[in-house]
């Protein structure tokens, strides 16, 4: 229960800070999207605090899916870095003629 409350409060703080940063800085890239996601995050925090017991299962499901997505992205990123290292090695250590 305490974990859910902490997550809900964290969502609200993150949403408020994201939306406030985007609203106050007119040169912020993707300003409209940042405001939108800030408001959505605030709403998610309020929902989590309003229904903490129902939110536990949803949070576990979302966290599990998110961790799988992060893992896949890390693997893809690792292969991309490996390719970049090989390109840099070809440039810095050209083969002898």
PDB file of N, CA and C in Angstrom:
ATOM      1  N   UNK A   1       0.826  -1.195   0.000  1.00  0.00           N
ATOM      2  CA  UNK A   1       0.000   0.000   0.000  1.00  0.00           C
ATOM      3  C   UNK A   1       0.866   1.253   0.000  1.00  0.00           C
ATOM      4  N   UNK A   2       1.911   1.242   0.829  1.00  0.00           N
ATOM      5  CA  UNK A   2       2.799   2.399   0.913  1.00  0.00           C
ATOM      6  C   UNK A   2       3.542   2.614  -0.397  1.00  0.00           C
ATOM      7  N   UNK A   3       3.903   1.524  -1.055  1.00  0.00           N
ATOM      8  CA  UNK A   3       4.577   1.623  -2.350  1.00  0.00           C
ATOM      9  C   UNK A   3       3.673   2.296  -3.378  1.00  0.00           C
ATOM     10  N   UNK A   4       2.416   1.930  -3.391  1.00  0.00           N
ATOM     11  CA  UNK A   4       1.468   2.518  -4.342  1.00  0.00           C
ATOM     12  C   UNK A   4       1.302   4.007  -4.067  1.00  0.00           C
ATOM     13  N   UNK A   5       1.238   4.389  -2.819  1.00  0.00           N
ATOM     14  CA  UNK A   5       1.111   5.807  -2.471  1.00  0.00           C
ATOM     15  C   UNK A   5       2.359   6.554  -2.917  1.00  0.00           C
ATOM     16  N   UNK A   6       3.529   5.961  -2.690  1.00  0.00           N
ATOM     17  CA  UNK A   6       4.776   6.595  -3.130  1.00  0.00           C
ATOM     18  C   UNK A   6       4.833   6.760  -4.633  1.00  0.00           C
ATOM     19  N   UNK A   7       4.380   5.758  -5.351  1.00  0.00           N
ATOM     20  CA  UNK A   7       4.361   5.841  -6.817  1.00  0.00           C
ATOM     21  C   UNK A   7       3.369   6.911  -7.275  1.00  0.00           C
ATOM     22  N   UNK A   8       2.203   6.953  -6.669  1.00  0.00           N
ATOM     23  CA  UNK A   8       1.209   7.967  -7.029  1.00  0.00           C
ATOM     24  C   UNK A   8       1.711   9.381  -6.781  1.00  0.00           C
ATOM     25  N   UNK A   9       2.319   9.606  -5.635  1.00  0.00           N
ATOM     26  CA  UNK A   9       2.875  10.929  -5.323  1.00  0.00           C
ATOM     27  C   UNK A   9       4.018  11.252  -6.284  1.00  0.00           C
ATOM     28  N   UNK A  10       4.835  10.245  -6.606  1.00  0.00           N
ATOM     29  CA  UNK A  10       5.921  10.455  -7.570  1.00  0.00           C
ATOM     30  C   UNK A  10       5.392  10.839  -8.943  1.00  0.00           C
ATOM     31  N   UNK A  11       4.317  10.187  -9.376  1.00  0.00           N
ATOM     32  CA  UNK A  11       3.691  10.548 -10.650  1.00  0.00           C
ATOM     33  C   UNK A  11       3.241  12.005 -10.630  1.00  0.00           C
ATOM     34  N   UNK A  12       2.610  12.397  -9.548  1.00  0.00           N
ATOM     35  CA  UNK A  12       2.111  13.776  -9.460  1.00  0.00           C
ATOM     36  C   UNK A  12       3.266  14.766  -9.487  1.00  0.00           C
ATOM     37  N   UNK A  13       4.309  14.524  -8.702  1.00  0.00           N
ATOM     38  CA  UNK A  13       5.465  15.433  -8.699  1.00  0.00           C
ATOM     39  C   UNK A  13       6.112  15.511 -10.081  1.00  0.00           C
ATOM     40  N   UNK A  14       6.282  14.359 -10.724  1.00  0.00           N
ATOM     41  CA  UNK A  14       6.897  14.350 -12.056  1.00  0.00           C
ATOM     42  C   UNK A  14       6.021  15.083 -13.065  1.00  0.00           C
ATOM     43  N   UNK A  15       4.727  14.855 -13.015  1.00  0.00           N
ATOM     44  CA  UNK A  15       3.822  15.527 -13.941  1.00  0.00           C
ATOM     45  C   UNK A  15       3.813  17.030 -13.749  1.00  0.00           C
ATOM     46  N   UNK A  16       3.775  17.456 -12.496  1.00  0.00           N
ATOM     47  CA  UNK A  16       3.779  18.899 -12.213  1.00  0.00           C
ATOM     48  C   UNK A  16       5.089  19.524 -12.682  1.00  0.00           C
ATOM     49  N   UNK A  17       6.214  18.871 -12.397  1.00  0.00           N
ATOM     50  CA  UNK A  17       7.501  19.458 -12.788  1.00  0.00           C
ATOM     51  C   UNK A  17       7.659  19.479 -14.309  1.00  0.00           C
ATOM     52  N   UNK A  18       7.231  18.429 -14.992  1.00  0.00           N
ATOM     53  CA  UNK A  18       7.335  18.390 -16.450  1.00  0.00           C
ATOM     54  C   UNK A  18       6.450  19.447 -17.092  1.00  0.00           C
ATOM     55  N   UNK A  19       5.212  19.530 -16.663  1.00  0.00           N
ATOM     56  CA  UNK A  19       4.290  20.509 -17.236  1.00  0.00           C
ATOM     57  C   UNK A  19       4.743  21.934 -16.926  1.00  0.00           C
ATOM     58  N   UNK A  20       5.188  22.187 -15.702  1.00  0.00           N
ATOM     59  CA  UNK A  20       5.640  23.522 -15.321  1.00  0.00           C
ATOM     60  C   UNK A  20       6.867  23.931 -16.124  1.00  0.00           C
ATOM     61  N   UNK A  21       7.810  23.009 -16.301  1.00  0.00           N
ATOM     62  CA  UNK A  21       9.010  23.312 -17.069  1.00  0.00           C
ATOM     63  C   UNK A  21       8.642  23.657 -18.512  1.00  0.00           C
ATOM     64  N   UNK A  22       7.755  22.899 -19.104  1.00  0.00           N
ATOM     65  CA  UNK A  22       7.379  23.149 -20.484  1.00  0.00           C
ATOM     66  C   UNK A  22       6.566  24.437 -20.633  1.00  0.00           C
ATOM     67  N   UNK A  23       5.734  24.741 -19.655  1.00  0.00           N
ATOM     68  CA  UNK A  23       4.918  25.952 -19.733  1.00  0.00           C
ATOM     69  C   UNK A  23       5.778  27.203 -19.571  1.00  0.00           C
ATOM     70  N   UNK A  24       6.744  27.170 -18.672  1.00  0.00           N
ATOM     71  CA  UNK A  24       7.542  28.367 -18.381  1.00  0.00           C
ATOM     72  C   UNK A  24       8.652  28.625 -19.389  1.00  0.00           C
ATOM     73  N   UNK A  25       9.062  27.628 -20.163  1.00  0.00           N
ATOM     74  CA  UNK A  25      10.150  27.804 -21.130  1.00  0.00           C
ATOM     75  C   UNK A  25       9.598  27.736 -22.548  1.00  0.00           C
ATOM     76  N   UNK A  26       9.399  28.891 -23.195  1.00  0.00           N
ATOM     77  CA  UNK A  26       8.812  28.880 -24.541  1.00  0.00           C
ATOM     78  C   UNK A  26       9.708  28.220 -25.591  1.00  0.00           C
ATOM     79  N   UNK A  27      11.016  28.113 -25.339  1.00  0.00           N
ATOM     80  CA  UNK A  27      11.918  27.509 -26.295  1.00  0.00           C
ATOM     81  C   UNK A  27      12.131  26.019 -26.081  1.00  0.00           C
ATOM     82  N   UNK A  28      11.368  25.428 -25.179  1.00  0.00           N
ATOM     83  CA  UNK A  28      11.537  24.010 -24.858  1.00  0.00           C
ATOM     84  C   UNK A  28      11.133  23.158 -26.064  1.00  0.00           C
ATOM     85  N   UNK A  29      12.023  22.257 -26.524  1.00  0.00           N
ATOM     86  CA  UNK A  29      11.651  21.426 -27.674  1.00  0.00           C
ATOM     87  C   UNK A  29      10.548  20.428 -27.314  1.00  0.00           C
ATOM     88  N   UNK A  30       9.573  20.296 -28.182  1.00  0.00           N
ATOM     89  CA  UNK A  30       8.452  19.389 -27.912  1.00  0.00           C
ATOM     90  C   UNK A  30       7.596  19.886 -26.764  1.00  0.00           C
ATOM     91  N   UNK A  31       7.453  21.176 -26.684  1.00  0.00           N
ATOM     92  CA  UNK A  31       6.752  21.806 -25.551  1.00  0.00           C
ATOM     93  C   UNK A  31       5.328  21.281 -25.390  1.00  0.00           C
ATOM     94  N   UNK A  32       4.594  21.197 -26.478  1.00  0.00           N
ATOM     95  CA  UNK A  32       3.202  20.727 -26.414  1.00  0.00           C
ATOM     96  C   UNK A  32       3.109  19.298 -25.900  1.00  0.00           C
ATOM     97  N   UNK A  33       3.996  18.434 -26.392  1.00  0.00           N
ATOM     98  CA  UNK A  33       3.992  17.043 -25.933  1.00  0.00           C
ATOM     99  C   UNK A  33       4.376  16.947 -24.466  1.00  0.00           C
ATOM    100  N   UNK A  34       5.332  17.762 -24.040  1.00  0.00           N
ATOM    101  CA  UNK A  34       5.741  17.732 -22.631  1.00  0.00           C
ATOM    102  C   UNK A  34       4.594  18.156 -21.723  1.00  0.00           C
ATOM    103  N   UNK A  35       3.862  19.189 -22.130  1.00  0.00           N
ATOM    104  CA  UNK A  35       2.701  19.613 -21.339  1.00  0.00           C
ATOM    105  C   UNK A  35       1.654  18.509 -21.311  1.00  0.00           C
ATOM    106  N   UNK A  36       1.393  17.906 -22.465  1.00  0.00           N
ATOM    107  CA  UNK A  36       0.416  16.819 -22.551  1.00  0.00           C
ATOM    108  C   UNK A  36       0.800  15.651 -21.632  1.00  0.00           C
ATOM    109  N   UNK A  37       2.054  15.199 -21.727  1.00  0.00           N
ATOM    110  CA  UNK A  37       2.483  14.076 -20.901  1.00  0.00           C
ATOM    111  C   UNK A  37       2.541  14.452 -19.419  1.00  0.00           C
ATOM    112  N   UNK A  38       2.831  15.710 -19.115  1.00  0.00           N
ATOM    113  CA  UNK A  38       2.791  16.153 -17.728  1.00  0.00           C
ATOM    114  C   UNK A  38       1.393  16.057 -17.146  1.00  0.00           C
ATOM    115  N   UNK A  39       0.411  16.502 -17.915  1.00  0.00           N
ATOM    116  CA  UNK A  39      -0.983  16.433 -17.463  1.00  0.00           C
ATOM    117  C   UNK A  39      -1.437  14.974 -17.331  1.00  0.00           C
ATOM    118  N   UNK A  40      -1.067  14.132 -18.302  1.00  0.00           N
ATOM    119  CA  UNK A  40      -1.427  12.712 -18.236  1.00  0.00           C
ATOM    120  C   UNK A  40      -0.789  12.061 -17.004  1.00  0.00           C
ATOM    121  N   UNK A  41       0.454  12.421 -16.704  1.00  0.00           N
ATOM    122  CA  UNK A  41       1.135  11.862 -15.537  1.00  0.00           C
ATOM    123  C   UNK A  41       0.466  12.307 -14.244  1.00  0.00           C
ATOM    124  N   UNK A  42       0.024  13.548 -14.191  1.00  0.00           N
ATOM    125  CA  UNK A  42      -0.706  14.034 -13.012  1.00  0.00           C
ATOM    126  C   UNK A  42      -2.004  13.244 -12.841  1.00  0.00           C
ATOM    127  N   UNK A  43      -2.717  13.043 -13.923  1.00  0.00           N
ATOM    128  CA  UNK A  43      -3.978  12.278 -13.860  1.00  0.00           C
ATOM    129  C   UNK A  43      -3.694  10.844 -13.412  1.00  0.00           C
ATOM    130  N   UNK A  44      -2.626  10.245 -13.927  1.00  0.00           N
ATOM    131  CA  UNK A  44      -2.267   8.876 -13.514  1.00  0.00           C
ATOM    132  C   UNK A  44      -1.962   8.832 -12.022  1.00  0.00           C
ATOM    133  N   UNK A  45      -1.265   9.836 -11.512  1.00  0.00           N
ATOM    134  CA  UNK A  45      -0.977   9.887 -10.076  1.00  0.00           C
ATOM    135  C   UNK A  45      -2.234   9.996  -9.236  1.00  0.00           C
ATOM    136  N   UNK A  46      -3.171  10.800  -9.689  1.00  0.00           N
ATOM    137  CA  UNK A  46      -4.436  10.952  -8.961  1.00  0.00           C
ATOM    138  C   UNK A  46      -5.219   9.640  -8.973  1.00  0.00           C
ATOM    139  N   UNK A  47      -5.233   8.959 -10.125  1.00  0.00           N
ATOM    140  CA  UNK A  47      -5.941   7.673 -10.227  1.00  0.00           C
ATOM    141  C   UNK A  47      -5.307   6.648  -9.298  1.00  0.00           C
ATOM    142  N   UNK A  48      -3.981   6.594  -9.269  1.00  0.00           N
ATOM    143  CA  UNK A  48      -3.289   5.634  -8.400  1.00  0.00           C
ATOM    144  C   UNK A  48      -3.606   5.920  -6.932  1.00  0.00           C
ATOM    145  N   UNK A  49      -3.647   7.183  -6.561  1.00  0.00           N
ATOM    146  CA  UNK A  49      -3.967   7.514  -5.163  1.00  0.00           C
ATOM    147  C   UNK A  49      -5.439   7.271  -4.841  1.00  0.00           C
ATOM    148  N   UNK A  50      -6.330   7.444  -5.827  1.00  0.00           N
ATOM    149  CA  UNK A  50      -7.758   7.260  -5.576  1.00  0.00           C
ATOM    150  C   UNK A  50      -8.124   5.782  -5.427  1.00  0.00           C
ATOM    151  N   UNK A  51      -7.486   4.903  -6.187  1.00  0.00           N
ATOM    152  CA  UNK A  51      -7.774   3.473  -6.149  1.00  0.00           C
ATOM    153  C   UNK A  51      -6.472   2.688  -5.965  1.00  0.00           C
ATOM    154  N   UNK A  52      -5.877   2.739  -4.774  1.00  0.00           N
ATOM    155  CA  UNK A  52      -4.560   2.115  -4.595  1.00  0.00           C
ATOM    156  C   UNK A  52      -4.572   0.589  -4.731  1.00  0.00           C
ATOM    157  N   UNK A  53      -5.623  -0.081  -4.266  1.00  0.00           N
ATOM    158  CA  UNK A  53      -5.634  -1.545  -4.326  1.00  0.00           C
ATOM    159  C   UNK A  53      -5.815  -2.044  -5.760  1.00  0.00           C
ATOM    160  N   UNK A  54      -6.683  -1.384  -6.512  1.00  0.00           N
ATOM    161  CA  UNK A  54      -6.855  -1.754  -7.912  1.00  0.00           C
ATOM    162  C   UNK A  54      -5.617  -1.410  -8.730  1.00  0.00           C
ATOM    163  N   UNK A  55      -4.904  -0.383  -8.297  1.00  0.00           N
ATOM    164  CA  UNK A  55      -3.729   0.073  -9.033  1.00  0.00           C
ATOM    165  C   UNK A  55      -2.539  -0.858  -8.873  1.00  0.00           C
ATOM    166  N   UNK A  56      -2.504  -1.642  -7.816  1.00  0.00           N
ATOM    167  CA  UNK A  56      -1.353  -2.516  -7.574  1.00  0.00           C
ATOM    168  C   UNK A  56      -1.171  -3.494  -8.724  1.00  0.00           C
ATOM    169  N   UNK A  57      -2.235  -4.162  -9.140  1.00  0.00           N
ATOM    170  CA  UNK A  57      -2.134  -5.118 -10.244  1.00  0.00           C
ATOM    171  C   UNK A  57      -1.772  -4.417 -11.549  1.00  0.00           C
ATOM    172  N   UNK A  58      -2.388  -3.294 -11.794  1.00  0.00           N
ATOM    173  CA  UNK A  58      -2.091  -2.546 -13.016  1.00  0.00           C
ATOM    174  C   UNK A  58      -0.639  -2.081 -13.027  1.00  0.00           C
ATOM    175  N   UNK A  59      -0.160  -1.583 -11.889  1.00  0.00           N
ATOM    176  CA  UNK A  59       1.233  -1.140 -11.806  1.00  0.00           C
ATOM    177  C   UNK A  59       2.198  -2.299 -12.013  1.00  0.00           C
ATOM    178  N   UNK A  60       1.883  -3.443 -11.466  1.00  0.00           N
ATOM    179  CA  UNK A  60       2.748  -4.608 -11.652  1.00  0.00           C
ATOM    180  C   UNK A  60       2.781  -5.015 -13.123  1.00  0.00           C
ATOM    181  N   UNK A  61       1.639  -5.007 -13.776  1.00  0.00           N
ATOM    182  CA  UNK A  61       1.578  -5.357 -15.191  1.00  0.00           C
ATOM    183  C   UNK A  61       2.344  -4.341 -16.040  1.00  0.00           C
ATOM    184  N   UNK A  62       2.110  -3.067 -15.787  1.00  0.00           N
ATOM    185  CA  UNK A  62       2.794  -2.019 -16.556  1.00  0.00           C
ATOM    186  C   UNK A  62       4.299  -2.064 -16.299  1.00  0.00           C
ATOM    187  N   UNK A  63       4.691  -2.253 -15.054  1.00  0.00           N
ATOM    188  CA  UNK A  63       6.122  -2.327 -14.733  1.00  0.00           C
ATOM    189  C   UNK A  63       6.774  -3.523 -15.412  1.00  0.00           C
ATOM    190  N   UNK A  64       6.099  -4.658 -15.429  1.00  0.00           N
ATOM    191  CA  UNK A  64       6.648  -5.833 -16.098  1.00  0.00           C
ATOM    192  C   UNK A  64       6.810  -5.613 -17.593  1.00  0.00           C
ATOM    193  N   UNK A  65       5.798  -5.060 -18.221  1.00  0.00           N
ATOM    194  CA  UNK A  65       5.882  -4.777 -19.660  1.00  0.00           C
ATOM    195  C   UNK A  65       6.979  -3.759 -19.925  1.00  0.00           C
ATOM    196  N   UNK A  66       7.052  -2.731 -19.087  1.00  0.00           N
ATOM    197  CA  UNK A  66       8.062  -1.687 -19.254  1.00  0.00           C
ATOM    198  C   UNK A  66       9.467  -2.264 -19.119  1.00  0.00           C
ATOM    199  N   UNK A  67       9.674  -3.149 -18.175  1.00  0.00           N
ATOM    200  CA  UNK A  67      10.997  -3.765 -18.007  1.00  0.00           C
ATOM    201  C   UNK A  67      11.364  -4.630 -19.207  1.00  0.00           C
ATOM    202  N   UNK A  68      10.396  -5.313 -19.787  1.00  0.00           N
ATOM    203  CA  UNK A  68      10.660  -6.098 -20.997  1.00  0.00           C
ATOM    204  C   UNK A  68      11.037  -5.172 -22.151  1.00  0.00           C
ATOM    205  N   UNK A  69      10.315  -4.078 -22.301  1.00  0.00           N
ATOM    206  CA  UNK A  69      10.623  -3.114 -23.365  1.00  0.00           C
ATOM    207  C   UNK A  69      12.020  -2.532 -23.165  1.00  0.00           C
ATOM    208  N   UNK A  70      12.352  -2.169 -21.931  1.00  0.00           N
ATOM    209  CA  UNK A  70      13.682  -1.622 -21.652  1.00  0.00           C
ATOM    210  C   UNK A  70      14.749  -2.657 -21.981  1.00  0.00           C
ATOM    211  N   UNK A  71      14.523  -3.908 -21.639  1.00  0.00           N
ATOM    212  CA  UNK A  71      15.490  -4.960 -21.939  1.00  0.00           C
ATOM    213  C   UNK A  71      15.713  -5.120 -23.429  1.00  0.00           C
ATOM    214  N   UNK A  72      14.632  -5.119 -24.207  1.00  0.00           N
ATOM    215  CA  UNK A  72      14.761  -5.233 -25.655  1.00  0.00           C
ATOM    216  C   UNK A  72      15.515  -4.026 -26.220  1.00  0.00           C
ATOM    217  N   UNK A  73      15.194  -2.840 -25.719  1.00  0.00           N
ATOM    218  CA  UNK A  73      15.884  -1.635 -26.192  1.00  0.00           C
ATOM    219  C   UNK A  73      17.371  -1.665 -25.832  1.00  0.00           C
ATOM    220  N   UNK A  74      17.715  -2.200 -24.681  1.00  0.00           N
ATOM    221  CA  UNK A  74      19.125  -2.333 -24.295  1.00  0.00           C
ATOM    222  C   UNK A  74      19.861  -3.284 -25.224  1.00  0.00           C
ATOM    223  N   UNK A  75      19.211  -4.376 -25.594  1.00  0.00           N
ATOM    224  CA  UNK A  75      19.829  -5.327 -26.521  1.00  0.00           C
ATOM    225  C   UNK A  75      20.048  -4.660 -27.881  1.00  0.00           C
ATOM    226  N   UNK A  76      19.029  -3.975 -28.392  1.00  0.00           N
ATOM    227  CA  UNK A  76      19.153  -3.283 -29.677  1.00  0.00           C
ATOM    228  C   UNK A  76      20.246  -2.219 -29.596  1.00  0.00           C
ATOM    229  N   UNK A  77      20.283  -1.488 -28.503  1.00  0.00           N
ATOM    230  CA  UNK A  77      21.306  -0.465 -28.306  1.00  0.00           C
ATOM    231  C   UNK A  77      22.700  -1.080 -28.262  1.00  0.00           C
ATOM    232  N   UNK A  78      22.843  -2.217 -27.624  1.00  0.00           N
ATOM    233  CA  UNK A  78      24.125  -2.906 -27.560  1.00  0.00           C
ATOM    234  C   UNK A  78      24.622  -3.312 -28.932  1.00  0.00           C
ATOM    235  N   UNK A  79      23.734  -3.852 -29.779  1.00  0.00           N
ATOM    236  CA  UNK A  79      24.139  -4.204 -31.135  1.00  0.00           C
ATOM    237  C   UNK A  79      24.504  -2.960 -31.936  1.00  0.00           C
ATOM    238  N   UNK A  80      23.770  -1.871 -31.717  1.00  0.00           N
ATOM    239  CA  UNK A  80      24.099  -0.614 -32.404  1.00  0.00           C
ATOM    240  C   UNK A  80      25.458  -0.087 -31.985  1.00  0.00           C
ATOM    241  N   UNK A  81      25.766  -0.150 -30.697  1.00  0.00           N
ATOM    242  CA  UNK A  81      27.071   0.300 -30.215  1.00  0.00           C
ATOM    243  C   UNK A  81      28.185  -0.574 -30.769  1.00  0.00           C
ATOM    244  N   UNK A  82      27.938  -1.863 -30.830  1.00  0.00           N
ATOM    245  CA  UNK A  82      28.935  -2.787 -31.376  1.00  0.00           C
ATOM    246  C   UNK A  82      29.235  -2.434 -32.829  1.00  0.00           C
ATOM    247  N   UNK A  83      28.216  -2.140 -33.601  1.00  0.00           N
ATOM    248  CA  UNK A  83      28.393  -1.742 -34.993  1.00  0.00           C
ATOM    249  C   UNK A  83      29.171  -0.433 -35.089  1.00  0.00           C
ATOM    250  N   UNK A  84      28.854   0.523 -34.214  1.00  0.00           N
ATOM    251  CA  UNK A  84      29.560   1.804 -34.223  1.00  0.00           C
ATOM    252  C   UNK A  84      31.033   1.639 -33.863  1.00  0.00           C
ATOM    253  N   UNK A  85      31.325   0.780 -32.915  1.00  0.00           N
ATOM    254  CA  UNK A  85      32.718   0.537 -32.525  1.00  0.00           C
ATOM    255  C   UNK A  85      33.494  -0.047 -33.697  1.00  0.00           C
ATOM    256  N   UNK A  86      32.885  -0.970 -34.417  1.00  0.00           N
ATOM    257  CA  UNK A  86      33.557  -1.558 -35.582  1.00  0.00           C
ATOM    258  C   UNK A  86      33.817  -0.500 -36.648  1.00  0.00           C
ATOM    259  N   UNK A  87      32.870   0.421 -36.864  1.00  0.00           N
ATOM    260  CA  UNK A  87      33.068   1.497 -37.836  1.00  0.00           C
ATOM    261  C   UNK A  87      34.214   2.407 -37.409  1.00  0.00           C
ATOM    262  N   UNK A  88      34.277   2.740 -36.117  1.00  0.00           N
ATOM    263  CA  UNK A  88      35.340   3.605 -35.612  1.00  0.00           C
ATOM    264  C   UNK A  88      36.694   2.911 -35.724  1.00  0.00           C
ATOM    265  N   UNK A  89      36.725   1.620 -35.442  1.00  0.00           N
ATOM    266  CA  UNK A  89      37.984   0.877 -35.557  1.00  0.00           C
ATOM    267  C   UNK A  89      38.472   0.844 -37.002  1.00  0.00           C
ATOM    268  N   UNK A  90      37.570   0.739 -37.964  1.00  0.00           N
ATOM    269  CA  UNK A  90      37.969   0.761 -39.365  1.00  0.00           C
ATOM    270  C   UNK A  90      38.564   2.111 -39.746  1.00  0.00           C
ATOM    271  N   UNK A  91      38.027   3.179 -39.168  1.00  0.00           N
ATOM    272  CA  UNK A  91      38.521   4.520 -39.486  1.00  0.00           C
ATOM    273  C   UNK A  91      39.870   4.779 -38.807  1.00  0.00           C
ATOM    274  N   UNK A  92      39.987   4.393 -37.541  1.00  0.00           N
ATOM    275  CA  UNK A  92      41.208   4.698 -36.795  1.00  0.00           C
ATOM    276  C   UNK A  92      42.332   3.720 -37.073  1.00  0.00           C
ATOM    277  N   UNK A  93      42.029   2.490 -37.459  1.00  0.00           N
ATOM    278  CA  UNK A  93      43.036   1.476 -37.762  1.00  0.00           C
ATOM    279  C   UNK A  93      42.776   0.896 -39.143  1.00  0.00           C
ATOM    280  N   UNK A  94      43.068   1.687 -40.202  1.00  0.00           N
ATOM    281  CA  UNK A  94      42.797   1.159 -41.545  1.00  0.00           C
ATOM    282  C   UNK A  94      43.714  -0.032 -41.842  1.00  0.00           C
ATOM    283  N   UNK A  95      43.216  -0.892 -42.668  1.00  0.00           N
ATOM    284  CA  UNK A  95      43.993  -2.082 -43.049  1.00  0.00           C
ATOM    285  C   UNK A  95      45.210  -1.665 -43.864  1.00  0.00           C
ATOM    286  N   UNK A  96      46.314  -2.378 -43.673  1.00  0.00           N
ATOM    287  CA  UNK A  96      47.547  -2.063 -44.415  1.00  0.00           C
ATOM    288  C   UNK A  96      47.368  -2.459 -45.876  1.00  0.00           C
ATOM    289  N   UNK A  97      47.875  -1.597 -46.827  1.00  0.00           N
ATOM    290  CA  UNK A  97      47.690  -1.914 -48.241  1.00  0.00           C
ATOM    291  C   UNK A  97      48.510  -3.076 -48.727  1.00  0.00           C
TER     292      UNK A  97
END
